[in-house]
PDB file of N, CA and C in Angstrom:
ATOM      1  N   UNK A   1     -14.196 -10.367  14.201  1.00  0.00           N
ATOM      2  CA  UNK A   1     -14.488  -8.942  14.798  1.00  0.00           C
ATOM      3  C   UNK A   1     -14.343  -7.928  13.846  1.00  0.00           C
ATOM      4  N   UNK A   2     -15.131  -7.172  13.325  1.00  0.00           N
ATOM      5  CA  UNK A   2     -14.965  -6.053  12.520  1.00  0.00           C
ATOM      6  C   UNK A   2     -13.906  -4.874  12.678  1.00  0.00           C
ATOM      7  N   UNK A   3     -13.396  -4.207  11.741  1.00  0.00           N
ATOM      8  CA  UNK A   3     -12.785  -3.050  12.300  1.00  0.00           C
ATOM      9  C   UNK A   3     -13.596  -1.827  13.035  1.00  0.00           C
ATOM     10  N   UNK A   4     -12.760  -1.330  13.886  1.00  0.00           N
ATOM     11  CA  UNK A   4     -13.465   0.017  14.611  1.00  0.00           C
ATOM     12  C   UNK A   4     -13.641   1.185  13.715  1.00  0.00           C
ATOM     13  N   UNK A   5     -14.602   2.011  14.028  1.00  0.00           N
ATOM     14  CA  UNK A   5     -14.701   3.001  12.778  1.00  0.00           C
ATOM     15  C   UNK A   5     -13.875   4.279  13.757  1.00  0.00           C
ATOM     16  N   UNK A   6     -13.349   5.045  13.159  1.00  0.00           N
ATOM     17  CA  UNK A   6     -12.775   6.416  13.626  1.00  0.00           C
ATOM     18  C   UNK A   6     -13.924   7.548  13.328  1.00  0.00           C
ATOM     19  N   UNK A   7     -13.705   8.314  14.538  1.00  0.00           N
ATOM     20  CA  UNK A   7     -14.538   9.557  14.432  1.00  0.00           C
ATOM     21  C   UNK A   7     -14.061  10.500  13.558  1.00  0.00           C
ATOM     22  N   UNK A   8     -14.548  10.857  12.297  1.00  0.00           N
ATOM     23  CA  UNK A   8     -13.849  11.676  11.685  1.00  0.00           C
ATOM     24  C   UNK A   8     -13.800  13.062  11.905  1.00  0.00           C
ATOM     25  N   UNK A   9     -14.638  13.566  12.687  1.00  0.00           N
ATOM     26  CA  UNK A   9     -14.690  15.138  13.002  1.00  0.00           C
ATOM     27  C   UNK A   9     -13.259  15.155  14.035  1.00  0.00           C
ATOM     28  N   UNK A  10     -13.289  14.019  14.783  1.00  0.00           N
ATOM     29  CA  UNK A  10     -11.768  14.040  15.833  1.00  0.00           C
ATOM     30  C   UNK A  10     -10.239  13.860  14.966  1.00  0.00           C
ATOM     31  N   UNK A  11     -10.499  13.087  13.918  1.00  0.00           N
ATOM     32  CA  UNK A  11      -9.281  12.743  13.180  1.00  0.00           C
ATOM     33  C   UNK A  11      -9.111  13.896  12.342  1.00  0.00           C
ATOM     34  N   UNK A  12     -10.177  14.928  11.939  1.00  0.00           N
ATOM     35  CA  UNK A  12      -9.505  16.147  11.396  1.00  0.00           C
ATOM     36  C   UNK A  12      -9.162  17.332  12.484  1.00  0.00           C
ATOM     37  N   UNK A  13      -9.318  16.987  13.852  1.00  0.00           N
ATOM     38  CA  UNK A  13      -8.898  18.169  14.492  1.00  0.00           C
ATOM     39  C   UNK A  13      -7.785  17.727  15.448  1.00  0.00           C
ATOM     40  N   UNK A  14      -7.172  16.535  15.529  1.00  0.00           N
ATOM     41  CA  UNK A  14      -6.268  16.110  16.575  1.00  0.00           C
ATOM     42  C   UNK A  14      -5.169  15.236  15.701  1.00  0.00           C
ATOM     43  N   UNK A  15      -3.944  15.337  16.074  1.00  0.00           N
ATOM     44  CA  UNK A  15      -2.767  14.587  15.376  1.00  0.00           C
ATOM     45  C   UNK A  15      -2.020  14.140  16.518  1.00  0.00           C
ATOM     46  N   UNK A  16      -1.368  13.010  16.305  1.00  0.00           N
ATOM     47  CA  UNK A  16      -0.579  12.208  17.530  1.00  0.00           C
ATOM     48  C   UNK A  16       0.939  12.846  17.351  1.00  0.00           C
ATOM     49  N   UNK A  17       1.589  13.137  18.197  1.00  0.00           N
ATOM     50  CA  UNK A  17       3.189  13.340  18.143  1.00  0.00           C
ATOM     51  C   UNK A  17       3.700  12.011  18.216  1.00  0.00           C
ATOM     52  N   UNK A  18       5.142  12.032  17.817  1.00  0.00           N
ATOM     53  CA  UNK A  18       6.138  11.172  18.031  1.00  0.00           C
ATOM     54  C   UNK A  18       6.276  10.489  18.982  1.00  0.00           C
ATOM     55  N   UNK A  19       6.108  11.183  20.204  1.00  0.00           N
ATOM     56  CA  UNK A  19       5.995  10.577  21.902  1.00  0.00           C
ATOM     57  C   UNK A  19       4.599  10.042  22.204  1.00  0.00           C
ATOM     58  N   UNK A  20       3.607   9.970  21.263  1.00  0.00           N
ATOM     59  CA  UNK A  20       2.167   9.343  21.645  1.00  0.00           C
ATOM     60  C   UNK A  20       1.143  10.362  22.284  1.00  0.00           C
ATOM     61  N   UNK A  21       1.854  11.635  22.223  1.00  0.00           N
ATOM     62  CA  UNK A  21       0.630  12.728  23.058  1.00  0.00           C
ATOM     63  C   UNK A  21      -0.285  13.203  21.865  1.00  0.00           C
ATOM     64  N   UNK A  22      -1.226  13.631  22.314  1.00  0.00           N
ATOM     65  CA  UNK A  22      -2.276  14.433  21.235  1.00  0.00           C
ATOM     66  C   UNK A  22      -2.047  15.846  21.246  1.00  0.00           C
ATOM     67  N   UNK A  23      -2.175  16.250  19.788  1.00  0.00           N
ATOM     68  CA  UNK A  23      -1.653  17.826  19.509  1.00  0.00           C
ATOM     69  C   UNK A  23      -3.157  18.295  19.139  1.00  0.00           C
ATOM     70  N   UNK A  24      -3.161  19.691  19.610  1.00  0.00           N
ATOM     71  CA  UNK A  24      -4.870  20.076  18.909  1.00  0.00           C
ATOM     72  C   UNK A  24      -4.247  21.863  18.758  1.00  0.00           C
ATOM     73  N   UNK A  25      -5.410  22.202  17.927  1.00  0.00           N
ATOM     74  CA  UNK A  25      -5.332  23.940  17.823  1.00  0.00           C
ATOM     75  C   UNK A  25      -6.073  24.521  18.504  1.00  0.00           C
ATOM     76  N   UNK A  26      -5.751  25.646  18.879  1.00  0.00           N
ATOM     77  CA  UNK A  26      -6.499  26.758  19.767  1.00  0.00           C
ATOM     78  C   UNK A  26      -7.864  27.130  19.292  1.00  0.00           C
ATOM     79  N   UNK A  27      -8.990  27.178  20.259  1.00  0.00           N
ATOM     80  CA  UNK A  27     -10.268  27.752  19.639  1.00  0.00           C
ATOM     81  C   UNK A  27      -9.956  29.227  19.868  1.00  0.00           C
ATOM     82  N   UNK A  28     -11.400  29.865  19.355  1.00  0.00           N
ATOM     83  CA  UNK A  28     -11.232  31.305  19.059  1.00  0.00           C
ATOM     84  C   UNK A  28     -10.445  32.133  18.378  1.00  0.00           C
ATOM     85  N   UNK A  29     -10.267  31.381  17.095  1.00  0.00           N
ATOM     86  CA  UNK A  29      -9.231  31.949  16.323  1.00  0.00           C
ATOM     87  C   UNK A  29     -10.337  32.258  14.664  1.00  0.00           C
ATOM     88  N   UNK A  30     -11.679  32.042  14.765  1.00  0.00           N
ATOM     89  CA  UNK A  30     -12.152  32.218  13.511  1.00  0.00           C
ATOM     90  C   UNK A  30     -12.758  33.388  12.766  1.00  0.00           C
ATOM     91  N   UNK A  31     -13.506  34.145  14.106  1.00  0.00           N
ATOM     92  CA  UNK A  31     -14.140  35.466  13.771  1.00  0.00           C
ATOM     93  C   UNK A  31     -14.178  36.291  14.781  1.00  0.00           C
ATOM     94  N   UNK A  32     -14.766  37.442  14.571  1.00  0.00           N
ATOM     95  CA  UNK A  32     -14.636  38.655  15.690  1.00  0.00           C
ATOM     96  C   UNK A  32     -13.322  38.659  16.207  1.00  0.00           C
ATOM     97  N   UNK A  33     -12.162  38.910  15.511  1.00  0.00           N
ATOM     98  CA  UNK A  33     -10.900  39.035  15.830  1.00  0.00           C
ATOM     99  C   UNK A  33     -10.695  40.426  16.229  1.00  0.00           C
ATOM    100  N   UNK A  34     -11.576  41.448  15.977  1.00  0.00           N
ATOM    101  CA  UNK A  34     -11.005  42.947  16.023  1.00  0.00           C
ATOM    102  C   UNK A  34     -11.135  43.454  17.461  1.00  0.00           C
ATOM    103  N   UNK A  35     -11.932  42.834  18.243  1.00  0.00           N
ATOM    104  CA  UNK A  35     -11.605  43.112  19.852  1.00  0.00           C
ATOM    105  C   UNK A  35     -10.543  42.295  20.584  1.00  0.00           C
ATOM    106  N   UNK A  36     -10.033  41.553  20.062  1.00  0.00           N
ATOM    107  CA  UNK A  36      -8.904  40.609  20.567  1.00  0.00           C
ATOM    108  C   UNK A  36      -7.435  41.524  20.528  1.00  0.00           C
ATOM    109  N   UNK A  37      -6.800  41.375  21.480  1.00  0.00           N
ATOM    110  CA  UNK A  37      -5.402  41.952  21.298  1.00  0.00           C
ATOM    111  C   UNK A  37      -4.430  41.142  20.369  1.00  0.00           C
ATOM    112  N   UNK A  38      -3.475  41.897  19.534  1.00  0.00           N
ATOM    113  CA  UNK A  38      -2.517  41.064  18.483  1.00  0.00           C
ATOM    114  C   UNK A  38      -1.807  40.224  19.465  1.00  0.00           C
ATOM    115  N   UNK A  39      -1.642  40.632  20.486  1.00  0.00           N
ATOM    116  CA  UNK A  39      -0.638  39.302  21.508  1.00  0.00           C
ATOM    117  C   UNK A  39      -1.483  38.225  21.631  1.00  0.00           C
ATOM    118  N   UNK A  40      -2.918  38.078  21.908  1.00  0.00           N
ATOM    119  CA  UNK A  40      -3.661  37.275  22.170  1.00  0.00           C
ATOM    120  C   UNK A  40      -3.756  36.162  20.724  1.00  0.00           C
ATOM    121  N   UNK A  41      -3.962  36.748  19.916  1.00  0.00           N
ATOM    122  CA  UNK A  41      -4.379  36.357  18.381  1.00  0.00           C
ATOM    123  C   UNK A  41      -2.589  35.549  18.076  1.00  0.00           C
ATOM    124  N   UNK A  42      -1.599  36.369  18.394  1.00  0.00           N
ATOM    125  CA  UNK A  42      -0.439  35.392  18.188  1.00  0.00           C
ATOM    126  C   UNK A  42      -0.109  34.209  18.905  1.00  0.00           C
ATOM    127  N   UNK A  43      -0.621  34.207  20.237  1.00  0.00           N
ATOM    128  CA  UNK A  43      -0.195  33.273  20.914  1.00  0.00           C
ATOM    129  C   UNK A  43      -1.402  32.284  20.813  1.00  0.00           C
ATOM    130  N   UNK A  44      -2.351  32.059  20.081  1.00  0.00           N
ATOM    131  CA  UNK A  44      -3.517  31.389  19.862  1.00  0.00           C
ATOM    132  C   UNK A  44      -3.244  30.857  18.413  1.00  0.00           C
ATOM    133  N   UNK A  45      -2.322  31.114  17.606  1.00  0.00           N
ATOM    134  CA  UNK A  45      -1.794  30.735  16.463  1.00  0.00           C
ATOM    135  C   UNK A  45      -1.265  29.577  16.281  1.00  0.00           C
ATOM    136  N   UNK A  46      -0.475  28.989  17.027  1.00  0.00           N
ATOM    137  CA  UNK A  46       0.402  27.894  17.064  1.00  0.00           C
ATOM    138  C   UNK A  46      -0.970  26.766  17.815  1.00  0.00           C
ATOM    139  N   UNK A  47      -0.310  25.527  17.977  1.00  0.00           N
ATOM    140  CA  UNK A  47      -0.834  24.048  18.275  1.00  0.00           C
ATOM    141  C   UNK A  47      -0.174  24.302  19.864  1.00  0.00           C
ATOM    142  N   UNK A  48      -1.030  23.233  20.569  1.00  0.00           N
ATOM    143  CA  UNK A  48      -0.353  22.803  22.056  1.00  0.00           C
ATOM    144  C   UNK A  48      -0.844  21.240  22.193  1.00  0.00           C
ATOM    145  N   UNK A  49      -0.241  20.660  22.989  1.00  0.00           N
ATOM    146  CA  UNK A  49      -0.308  19.486  23.425  1.00  0.00           C
ATOM    147  C   UNK A  49      -1.347  19.295  24.569  1.00  0.00           C
ATOM    148  N   UNK A  50      -2.444  18.354  24.325  1.00  0.00           N
ATOM    149  CA  UNK A  50      -3.602  18.143  25.147  1.00  0.00           C
ATOM    150  C   UNK A  50      -2.953  17.374  26.446  1.00  0.00           C
ATOM    151  N   UNK A  51      -4.022  17.883  27.687  1.00  0.00           N
ATOM    152  CA  UNK A  51      -3.566  17.038  28.917  1.00  0.00           C
ATOM    153  C   UNK A  51      -3.739  15.591  28.772  1.00  0.00           C
ATOM    154  N   UNK A  52      -3.380  14.940  29.682  1.00  0.00           N
ATOM    155  CA  UNK A  52      -3.536  13.490  29.628  1.00  0.00           C
ATOM    156  C   UNK A  52      -5.007  12.986  29.955  1.00  0.00           C
ATOM    157  N   UNK A  53      -5.555  13.712  30.854  1.00  0.00           N
ATOM    158  CA  UNK A  53      -6.989  13.349  31.339  1.00  0.00           C
ATOM    159  C   UNK A  53      -7.974  13.813  29.924  1.00  0.00           C
ATOM    160  N   UNK A  54      -7.549  14.527  29.259  1.00  0.00           N
ATOM    161  CA  UNK A  54      -8.496  15.048  27.981  1.00  0.00           C
ATOM    162  C   UNK A  54      -7.887  14.026  26.838  1.00  0.00           C
ATOM    163  N   UNK A  55      -6.941  13.706  26.729  1.00  0.00           N
ATOM    164  CA  UNK A  55      -6.706  13.006  25.532  1.00  0.00           C
ATOM    165  C   UNK A  55      -7.119  11.563  25.737  1.00  0.00           C
ATOM    166  N   UNK A  56      -7.336  10.929  26.817  1.00  0.00           N
ATOM    167  CA  UNK A  56      -7.858   9.676  26.995  1.00  0.00           C
ATOM    168  C   UNK A  56      -9.263   9.601  26.407  1.00  0.00           C
ATOM    169  N   UNK A  57     -10.053  10.353  26.102  1.00  0.00           N
ATOM    170  CA  UNK A  57     -11.159  10.722  25.504  1.00  0.00           C
ATOM    171  C   UNK A  57     -10.982  10.523  23.931  1.00  0.00           C
ATOM    172  N   UNK A  58     -10.192  11.369  23.422  1.00  0.00           N
ATOM    173  CA  UNK A  58      -9.772  11.476  22.016  1.00  0.00           C
ATOM    174  C   UNK A  58      -9.424  10.187  21.509  1.00  0.00           C
ATOM    175  N   UNK A  59      -8.376   9.587  22.365  1.00  0.00           N
ATOM    176  CA  UNK A  59      -7.880   8.265  22.063  1.00  0.00           C
ATOM    177  C   UNK A  59      -8.670   7.173  21.735  1.00  0.00           C
ATOM    178  N   UNK A  60      -9.720   7.142  22.499  1.00  0.00           N
ATOM    179  CA  UNK A  60     -11.148   6.216  22.298  1.00  0.00           C
ATOM    180  C   UNK A  60     -11.772   6.694  20.782  1.00  0.00           C
ATOM    181  N   UNK A  61     -11.839   7.871  20.623  1.00  0.00           N
ATOM    182  CA  UNK A  61     -12.336   8.081  19.332  1.00  0.00           C
ATOM    183  C   UNK A  61     -11.617   7.654  18.131  1.00  0.00           C
ATOM    184  N   UNK A  62     -10.215   7.918  18.195  1.00  0.00           N
ATOM    185  CA  UNK A  62      -9.293   7.382  17.187  1.00  0.00           C
ATOM    186  C   UNK A  62      -8.457   6.227  17.438  1.00  0.00           C
ATOM    187  N   UNK A  63      -9.272   5.073  17.278  1.00  0.00           N
ATOM    188  CA  UNK A  63      -8.554   3.713  17.526  1.00  0.00           C
ATOM    189  C   UNK A  63      -7.100   3.482  16.709  1.00  0.00           C
ATOM    190  N   UNK A  64      -6.996   3.903  15.602  1.00  0.00           N
ATOM    191  CA  UNK A  64      -5.791   3.572  14.799  1.00  0.00           C
ATOM    192  C   UNK A  64      -4.820   4.827  14.800  1.00  0.00           C
ATOM    193  N   UNK A  65      -4.999   5.833  15.506  1.00  0.00           N
ATOM    194  CA  UNK A  65      -3.890   7.134  15.443  1.00  0.00           C
ATOM    195  C   UNK A  65      -2.581   6.228  15.975  1.00  0.00           C
TER     196      UNK A  65
END
């Protein structure tokens, strides 16, 4: 049986935490930020943990993570 291939786009976007959860960055942080409030931009800066229902699909794309 050959090795499974990793979806490279998903590998660049998601990381695994020590407890096995999937960590992701926030959207809407690349351009047209002048109309966005400073508080909203600050809250989008960090990363967050995905919900289990969404992380299940990501784990299929990343078999060796």
